[in-house]
Amino acid sequence: MPTVDLVRTGQNICRLRKQAGLSTADLQTALGLSSPRAIFKWQRGDCLPTVDNLVILAALFGVRIDDILVIAAAK
């Protein structure tokens, strides 16, 4: 069964954020977060954004949600 690679997805979020010219503070504001802690957790691969946040990230980055998530090969 395929799974989401948390670390590579986090790296992808960081790369896409930088490509879009956005800081973590910009994302924090756009997502309505009280602190950037969640964004740092996503970028480290500790956890994934909620589906709602993935939709917003995709819109901010100008990509599809599938372009944010990195799927690990089934074992």
PDB file of N, CA and C in Angstrom:
ATOM      1  N   MET A   1       0.830  -1.180   0.000  1.00  0.00           N
ATOM      2  CA  MET A   1       0.000   0.000   0.000  1.00  0.00           C
ATOM      3  C   MET A   1       0.882   1.254   0.000  1.00  0.00           C
ATOM      4  N   PRO A   2       0.645   2.189  -0.894  1.00  0.00           N
ATOM      5  CA  PRO A   2       1.460   3.414  -0.903  1.00  0.00           C
ATOM      6  C   PRO A   2       1.170   4.286   0.328  1.00  0.00           C
ATOM      7  N   THR A   3       2.164   5.003   0.784  1.00  0.00           N
ATOM      8  CA  THR A   3       2.028   5.914   1.924  1.00  0.00           C
ATOM      9  C   THR A   3       2.680   7.249   1.592  1.00  0.00           C
ATOM     10  N   VAL A   4       2.358   8.261   2.369  1.00  0.00           N
ATOM     11  CA  VAL A   4       2.969   9.578   2.194  1.00  0.00           C
ATOM     12  C   VAL A   4       4.309   9.587   2.919  1.00  0.00           C
ATOM     13  N   ASP A   5       5.355   9.993   2.208  1.00  0.00           N
ATOM     14  CA  ASP A   5       6.686  10.142   2.800  1.00  0.00           C
ATOM     15  C   ASP A   5       6.713  11.503   3.497  1.00  0.00           C
ATOM     16  N   LEU A   6       6.660  11.487   4.826  1.00  0.00           N
ATOM     17  CA  LEU A   6       6.566  12.731   5.597  1.00  0.00           C
ATOM     18  C   LEU A   6       7.775  13.637   5.406  1.00  0.00           C
ATOM     19  N   VAL A   7       8.965  13.069   5.439  1.00  0.00           N
ATOM     20  CA  VAL A   7      10.181  13.877   5.345  1.00  0.00           C
ATOM     21  C   VAL A   7      10.306  14.513   3.964  1.00  0.00           C
ATOM     22  N   ARG A   8      10.101  13.722   2.930  1.00  0.00           N
ATOM     23  CA  ARG A   8      10.218  14.266   1.571  1.00  0.00           C
ATOM     24  C   ARG A   8       9.092  15.243   1.251  1.00  0.00           C
ATOM     25  N   THR A   9       7.915  15.011   1.811  1.00  0.00           N
ATOM     26  CA  THR A   9       6.817  15.968   1.645  1.00  0.00           C
ATOM     27  C   THR A   9       7.168  17.278   2.336  1.00  0.00           C
ATOM     28  N   GLY A  10       7.736  17.194   3.526  1.00  0.00           N
ATOM     29  CA  GLY A  10       8.174  18.396   4.241  1.00  0.00           C
ATOM     30  C   GLY A  10       9.214  19.176   3.460  1.00  0.00           C
ATOM     31  N   GLN A  11      10.174  18.458   2.880  1.00  0.00           N
ATOM     32  CA  GLN A  11      11.188  19.111   2.051  1.00  0.00           C
ATOM     33  C   GLN A  11      10.532  19.776   0.848  1.00  0.00           C
ATOM     34  N   ASN A  12       9.526  19.126   0.301  1.00  0.00           N
ATOM     35  CA  ASN A  12       8.799  19.650  -0.842  1.00  0.00           C
ATOM     36  C   ASN A  12       8.055  20.935  -0.465  1.00  0.00           C
ATOM     37  N   ILE A  13       7.410  20.945   0.696  1.00  0.00           N
ATOM     38  CA  ILE A  13       6.714  22.145   1.162  1.00  0.00           C
ATOM     39  C   ILE A  13       7.695  23.299   1.296  1.00  0.00           C
ATOM     40  N   CYS A  14       8.846  23.033   1.862  1.00  0.00           N
ATOM     41  CA  CYS A  14       9.874  24.063   2.029  1.00  0.00           C
ATOM     42  C   CYS A  14      10.338  24.584   0.664  1.00  0.00           C
ATOM     43  N   ARG A  15      10.591  23.696  -0.261  1.00  0.00           N
ATOM     44  CA  ARG A  15      11.055  24.083  -1.603  1.00  0.00           C
ATOM     45  C   ARG A  15       9.993  24.909  -2.321  1.00  0.00           C
ATOM     46  N   LEU A  16       8.754  24.444  -2.287  1.00  0.00           N
ATOM     47  CA  LEU A  16       7.668  25.163  -2.955  1.00  0.00           C
ATOM     48  C   LEU A  16       7.429  26.531  -2.323  1.00  0.00           C
ATOM     49  N   ARG A  17       7.548  26.605  -1.001  1.00  0.00           N
ATOM     50  CA  ARG A  17       7.389  27.886  -0.303  1.00  0.00           C
ATOM     51  C   ARG A  17       8.430  28.883  -0.778  1.00  0.00           C
ATOM     52  N   LYS A  18       9.677  28.424  -0.859  1.00  0.00           N
ATOM     53  CA  LYS A  18      10.755  29.306  -1.299  1.00  0.00           C
ATOM     54  C   LYS A  18      10.597  29.697  -2.762  1.00  0.00           C
ATOM     55  N   GLN A  19      10.192  28.736  -3.609  1.00  0.00           N
ATOM     56  CA  GLN A  19       9.958  29.033  -5.026  1.00  0.00           C
ATOM     57  C   GLN A  19       8.876  30.082  -5.200  1.00  0.00           C
ATOM     58  N   ALA A  20       7.872  30.054  -4.328  1.00  0.00           N
ATOM     59  CA  ALA A  20       6.774  31.016  -4.404  1.00  0.00           C
ATOM     60  C   ALA A  20       7.161  32.368  -3.797  1.00  0.00           C
ATOM     61  N   GLY A  21       8.373  32.424  -3.210  1.00  0.00           N
ATOM     62  CA  GLY A  21       8.843  33.667  -2.602  1.00  0.00           C
ATOM     63  C   GLY A  21       8.133  33.999  -1.300  1.00  0.00           C
ATOM     64  N   LEU A  22       7.707  32.968  -0.585  1.00  0.00           N
ATOM     65  CA  LEU A  22       6.977  33.152   0.661  1.00  0.00           C
ATOM     66  C   LEU A  22       7.829  32.768   1.863  1.00  0.00           C
ATOM     67  N   SER A  23       7.682  33.518   2.928  1.00  0.00           N
ATOM     68  CA  SER A  23       8.353  33.178   4.187  1.00  0.00           C
ATOM     69  C   SER A  23       7.397  32.331   5.027  1.00  0.00           C
ATOM     70  N   THR A  24       7.918  31.770   6.107  1.00  0.00           N
ATOM     71  CA  THR A  24       7.039  31.031   7.010  1.00  0.00           C
ATOM     72  C   THR A  24       6.014  31.986   7.627  1.00  0.00           C
ATOM     73  N   ALA A  25       6.410  33.231   7.854  1.00  0.00           N
ATOM     74  CA  ALA A  25       5.473  34.228   8.394  1.00  0.00           C
ATOM     75  C   ALA A  25       4.347  34.498   7.394  1.00  0.00           C
ATOM     76  N   ASP A  26       4.678  34.523   6.096  1.00  0.00           N
ATOM     77  CA  ASP A  26       3.646  34.702   5.065  1.00  0.00           C
ATOM     78  C   ASP A  26       2.644  33.557   5.113  1.00  0.00           C
ATOM     79  N   LEU A  27       3.152  32.318   5.225  1.00  0.00           N
ATOM     80  CA  LEU A  27       2.264  31.158   5.301  1.00  0.00           C
ATOM     81  C   LEU A  27       1.427  31.210   6.569  1.00  0.00           C
ATOM     82  N   GLN A  28       2.042  31.574   7.659  1.00  0.00           N
ATOM     83  CA  GLN A  28       1.330  31.656   8.931  1.00  0.00           C
ATOM     84  C   GLN A  28       0.140  32.606   8.800  1.00  0.00           C
ATOM     85  N   THR A  29       0.347  33.755   8.195  1.00  0.00           N
ATOM     86  CA  THR A  29      -0.721  34.731   8.010  1.00  0.00           C
ATOM     87  C   THR A  29      -1.803  34.194   7.078  1.00  0.00           C
ATOM     88  N   ALA A  30      -1.387  33.624   5.940  1.00  0.00           N
ATOM     89  CA  ALA A  30      -2.343  33.121   4.951  1.00  0.00           C
ATOM     90  C   ALA A  30      -3.193  31.984   5.507  1.00  0.00           C
ATOM     91  N   LEU A  31      -2.604  31.173   6.367  1.00  0.00           N
ATOM     92  CA  LEU A  31      -3.308  30.027   6.932  1.00  0.00           C
ATOM     93  C   LEU A  31      -4.064  30.376   8.216  1.00  0.00           C
ATOM     94  N   GLY A  32      -3.846  31.589   8.729  1.00  0.00           N
ATOM     95  CA  GLY A  32      -4.522  32.006   9.952  1.00  0.00           C
ATOM     96  C   GLY A  32      -4.024  31.294  11.189  1.00  0.00           C
ATOM     97  N   LEU A  33      -2.738  30.941  11.183  1.00  0.00           N
ATOM     98  CA  LEU A  33      -2.144  30.237  12.328  1.00  0.00           C
ATOM     99  C   LEU A  33      -1.650  31.246  13.358  1.00  0.00           C
ATOM    100  N   SER A  34      -1.732  30.901  14.633  1.00  0.00           N
ATOM    101  CA  SER A  34      -1.283  31.812  15.687  1.00  0.00           C
ATOM    102  C   SER A  34       0.237  31.827  15.833  1.00  0.00           C
ATOM    103  N   SER A  35       0.901  30.764  15.362  1.00  0.00           N
ATOM    104  CA  SER A  35       2.361  30.715  15.383  1.00  0.00           C
ATOM    105  C   SER A  35       2.826  29.874  14.190  1.00  0.00           C
ATOM    106  N   PRO A  36       4.112  29.977  13.832  1.00  0.00           N
ATOM    107  CA  PRO A  36       4.617  29.196  12.695  1.00  0.00           C
ATOM    108  C   PRO A  36       4.999  27.767  13.070  1.00  0.00           C
ATOM    109  N   ARG A  37       4.730  27.361  14.304  1.00  0.00           N
ATOM    110  CA  ARG A  37       5.161  26.047  14.798  1.00  0.00           C
ATOM    111  C   ARG A  37       4.718  24.904  13.880  1.00  0.00           C
ATOM    112  N   ALA A  38       3.463  24.929  13.426  1.00  0.00           N
ATOM    113  CA  ALA A  38       2.954  23.855  12.565  1.00  0.00           C
ATOM    114  C   ALA A  38       3.716  23.806  11.246  1.00  0.00           C
ATOM    115  N   ILE A  39       4.021  24.961  10.696  1.00  0.00           N
ATOM    116  CA  ILE A  39       4.747  25.011   9.417  1.00  0.00           C
ATOM    117  C   ILE A  39       6.125  24.378   9.580  1.00  0.00           C
ATOM    118  N   PHE A  40       6.805  24.678  10.668  1.00  0.00           N
ATOM    119  CA  PHE A  40       8.119  24.081  10.911  1.00  0.00           C
ATOM    120  C   PHE A  40       8.000  22.562  11.078  1.00  0.00           C
ATOM    121  N   LYS A  41       6.938  22.095  11.731  1.00  0.00           N
ATOM    122  CA  LYS A  41       6.722  20.649  11.887  1.00  0.00           C
ATOM    123  C   LYS A  41       6.508  19.983  10.536  1.00  0.00           C
ATOM    124  N   TRP A  42       5.740  20.632   9.653  1.00  0.00           N
ATOM    125  CA  TRP A  42       5.515  20.076   8.310  1.00  0.00           C
ATOM    126  C   TRP A  42       6.835  19.986   7.561  1.00  0.00           C
ATOM    127  N   GLN A  43       7.614  21.067   7.619  1.00  0.00           N
ATOM    128  CA  GLN A  43       8.868  21.123   6.859  1.00  0.00           C
ATOM    129  C   GLN A  43       9.893  20.124   7.371  1.00  0.00           C
ATOM    130  N   ARG A  44       9.839  19.799   8.657  1.00  0.00           N
ATOM    131  CA  ARG A  44      10.744  18.781   9.222  1.00  0.00           C
ATOM    132  C   ARG A  44      10.267  17.371   8.924  1.00  0.00           C
ATOM    133  N   GLY A  45       9.004  17.238   8.537  1.00  0.00           N
ATOM    134  CA  GLY A  45       8.444  15.919   8.295  1.00  0.00           C
ATOM    135  C   GLY A  45       7.916  15.264   9.550  1.00  0.00           C
ATOM    136  N   ASP A  46       7.616  16.065  10.567  1.00  0.00           N
ATOM    137  CA  ASP A  46       7.051  15.523  11.807  1.00  0.00           C
ATOM    138  C   ASP A  46       5.578  15.158  11.632  1.00  0.00           C
ATOM    139  N   CYS A  47       4.875  15.900  10.775  1.00  0.00           N
ATOM    140  CA  CYS A  47       3.459  15.668  10.536  1.00  0.00           C
ATOM    141  C   CYS A  47       3.056  16.309   9.217  1.00  0.00           C
ATOM    142  N   LEU A  48       1.806  16.075   8.822  1.00  0.00           N
ATOM    143  CA  LEU A  48       1.283  16.631   7.574  1.00  0.00           C
ATOM    144  C   LEU A  48       0.291  17.745   7.859  1.00  0.00           C
ATOM    145  N   PRO A  49       0.149  18.683   6.912  1.00  0.00           N
ATOM    146  CA  PRO A  49      -0.912  19.681   7.049  1.00  0.00           C
ATOM    147  C   PRO A  49      -2.279  18.998   6.948  1.00  0.00           C
ATOM    148  N   THR A  50      -3.289  19.623   7.510  1.00  0.00           N
ATOM    149  CA  THR A  50      -4.657  19.125   7.348  1.00  0.00           C
ATOM    150  C   THR A  50      -5.043  19.263   5.876  1.00  0.00           C
ATOM    151  N   VAL A  51      -6.105  18.598   5.487  1.00  0.00           N
ATOM    152  CA  VAL A  51      -6.579  18.692   4.103  1.00  0.00           C
ATOM    153  C   VAL A  51      -6.910  20.149   3.762  1.00  0.00           C
ATOM    154  N   ASP A  52      -7.562  20.853   4.675  1.00  0.00           N
ATOM    155  CA  ASP A  52      -7.885  22.265   4.447  1.00  0.00           C
ATOM    156  C   ASP A  52      -6.619  23.080   4.190  1.00  0.00           C
ATOM    157  N   ASN A  53      -5.597  22.850   4.994  1.00  0.00           N
ATOM    158  CA  ASN A  53      -4.346  23.581   4.811  1.00  0.00           C
ATOM    159  C   ASN A  53      -3.638  23.171   3.530  1.00  0.00           C
ATOM    160  N   LEU A  54      -3.738  21.905   3.142  1.00  0.00           N
ATOM    161  CA  LEU A  54      -3.157  21.473   1.866  1.00  0.00           C
ATOM    162  C   LEU A  54      -3.817  22.200   0.691  1.00  0.00           C
ATOM    163  N   VAL A  55      -5.119  22.390   0.764  1.00  0.00           N
ATOM    164  CA  VAL A  55      -5.841  23.110  -0.295  1.00  0.00           C
ATOM    165  C   VAL A  55      -5.319  24.545  -0.392  1.00  0.00           C
ATOM    166  N   ILE A  56      -5.147  25.196   0.747  1.00  0.00           N
ATOM    167  CA  ILE A  56      -4.648  26.576   0.763  1.00  0.00           C
ATOM    168  C   ILE A  56      -3.205  26.619   0.267  1.00  0.00           C
ATOM    169  N   LEU A  57      -2.358  25.690   0.729  1.00  0.00           N
ATOM    170  CA  LEU A  57      -0.961  25.658   0.280  1.00  0.00           C
ATOM    171  C   LEU A  57      -0.884  25.480  -1.231  1.00  0.00           C
ATOM    172  N   ALA A  58      -1.691  24.577  -1.774  1.00  0.00           N
ATOM    173  CA  ALA A  58      -1.693  24.337  -3.215  1.00  0.00           C
ATOM    174  C   ALA A  58      -2.045  25.624  -3.965  1.00  0.00           C
ATOM    175  N   ALA A  59      -3.037  26.351  -3.462  1.00  0.00           N
ATOM    176  CA  ALA A  59      -3.436  27.609  -4.106  1.00  0.00           C
ATOM    177  C   ALA A  59      -2.313  28.648  -4.006  1.00  0.00           C
ATOM    178  N   LEU A  60      -1.688  28.749  -2.837  1.00  0.00           N
ATOM    179  CA  LEU A  60      -0.594  29.718  -2.658  1.00  0.00           C
ATOM    180  C   LEU A  60       0.610  29.394  -3.532  1.00  0.00           C
ATOM    181  N   PHE A  61       0.912  28.112  -3.661  1.00  0.00           N
ATOM    182  CA  PHE A  61       2.082  27.690  -4.439  1.00  0.00           C
ATOM    183  C   PHE A  61       1.778  27.581  -5.929  1.00  0.00           C
ATOM    184  N   GLY A  62       0.495  27.604  -6.297  1.00  0.00           N
ATOM    185  CA  GLY A  62       0.105  27.464  -7.698  1.00  0.00           C
ATOM    186  C   GLY A  62       0.324  26.062  -8.241  1.00  0.00           C
ATOM    187  N   VAL A  63       0.100  25.058  -7.367  1.00  0.00           N
ATOM    188  CA  VAL A  63       0.287  23.652  -7.752  1.00  0.00           C
ATOM    189  C   VAL A  63      -0.933  22.851  -7.310  1.00  0.00           C
ATOM    190  N   ARG A  64      -0.975  21.571  -7.689  1.00  0.00           N
ATOM    191  CA  ARG A  64      -2.010  20.658  -7.203  1.00  0.00           C
ATOM    192  C   ARG A  64      -1.559  20.037  -5.882  1.00  0.00           C
ATOM    193  N   ILE A  65      -2.496  19.561  -5.100  1.00  0.00           N
ATOM    194  CA  ILE A  65      -2.135  18.886  -3.842  1.00  0.00           C
ATOM    195  C   ILE A  65      -1.201  17.712  -4.127  1.00  0.00           C
ATOM    196  N   ASP A  66      -1.442  17.019  -5.227  1.00  0.00           N
ATOM    197  CA  ASP A  66      -0.573  15.897  -5.612  1.00  0.00           C
ATOM    198  C   ASP A  66       0.873  16.329  -5.820  1.00  0.00           C
ATOM    199  N   ASP A  67       1.088  17.604  -6.151  1.00  0.00           N
ATOM    200  CA  ASP A  67       2.445  18.113  -6.349  1.00  0.00           C
ATOM    201  C   ASP A  67       3.133  18.437  -5.024  1.00  0.00           C
ATOM    202  N   ILE A  68       2.364  18.512  -3.953  1.00  0.00           N
ATOM    203  CA  ILE A  68       2.921  18.778  -2.620  1.00  0.00           C
ATOM    204  C   ILE A  68       3.294  17.475  -1.929  1.00  0.00           C
ATOM    205  N   LEU A  69       2.386  16.519  -1.987  1.00  0.00           N
ATOM    206  CA  LEU A  69       2.613  15.234  -1.310  1.00  0.00           C
ATOM    207  C   LEU A  69       3.587  14.366  -2.083  1.00  0.00           C
ATOM    208  N   VAL A  70       4.482  13.706  -1.367  1.00  0.00           N
ATOM    209  CA  VAL A  70       5.404  12.756  -1.977  1.00  0.00           C
ATOM    210  C   VAL A  70       4.981  11.360  -1.510  1.00  0.00           C
ATOM    211  N   ILE A  71       4.623  10.534  -2.473  1.00  0.00           N
ATOM    212  CA  ILE A  71       4.139   9.189  -2.163  1.00  0.00           C
ATOM    213  C   ILE A  71       5.300   8.208  -2.194  1.00  0.00           C
ATOM    214  N   ALA A  72       5.436   7.458  -1.106  1.00  0.00           N
ATOM    215  CA  ALA A  72       6.486   6.436  -1.026  1.00  0.00           C
ATOM    216  C   ALA A  72       5.991   5.181  -1.758  1.00  0.00           C
ATOM    217  N   ALA A  73       6.892   4.515  -2.386  1.00  0.00           N
ATOM    218  CA  ALA A  73       6.547   3.280  -3.104  1.00  0.00           C
ATOM    219  C   ALA A  73       6.010   2.236  -2.135  1.00  0.00           C
ATOM    220  N   ALA A  74       5.078   1.465  -2.597  1.00  0.00           N
ATOM    221  CA  ALA A  74       4.525   0.384  -1.777  1.00  0.00           C
ATOM    222  C   ALA A  74       5.615  -0.644  -1.497  1.00  0.00           C
ATOM    223  N   LYS A  75       5.588  -1.199  -0.291  1.00  0.00           N
ATOM    224  CA  LYS A  75       6.603  -2.196   0.088  1.00  0.00           C
ATOM    225  C   LYS A  75       6.037  -3.567   0.014  1.00  0.00           C
TER     226      LYS A  75
END
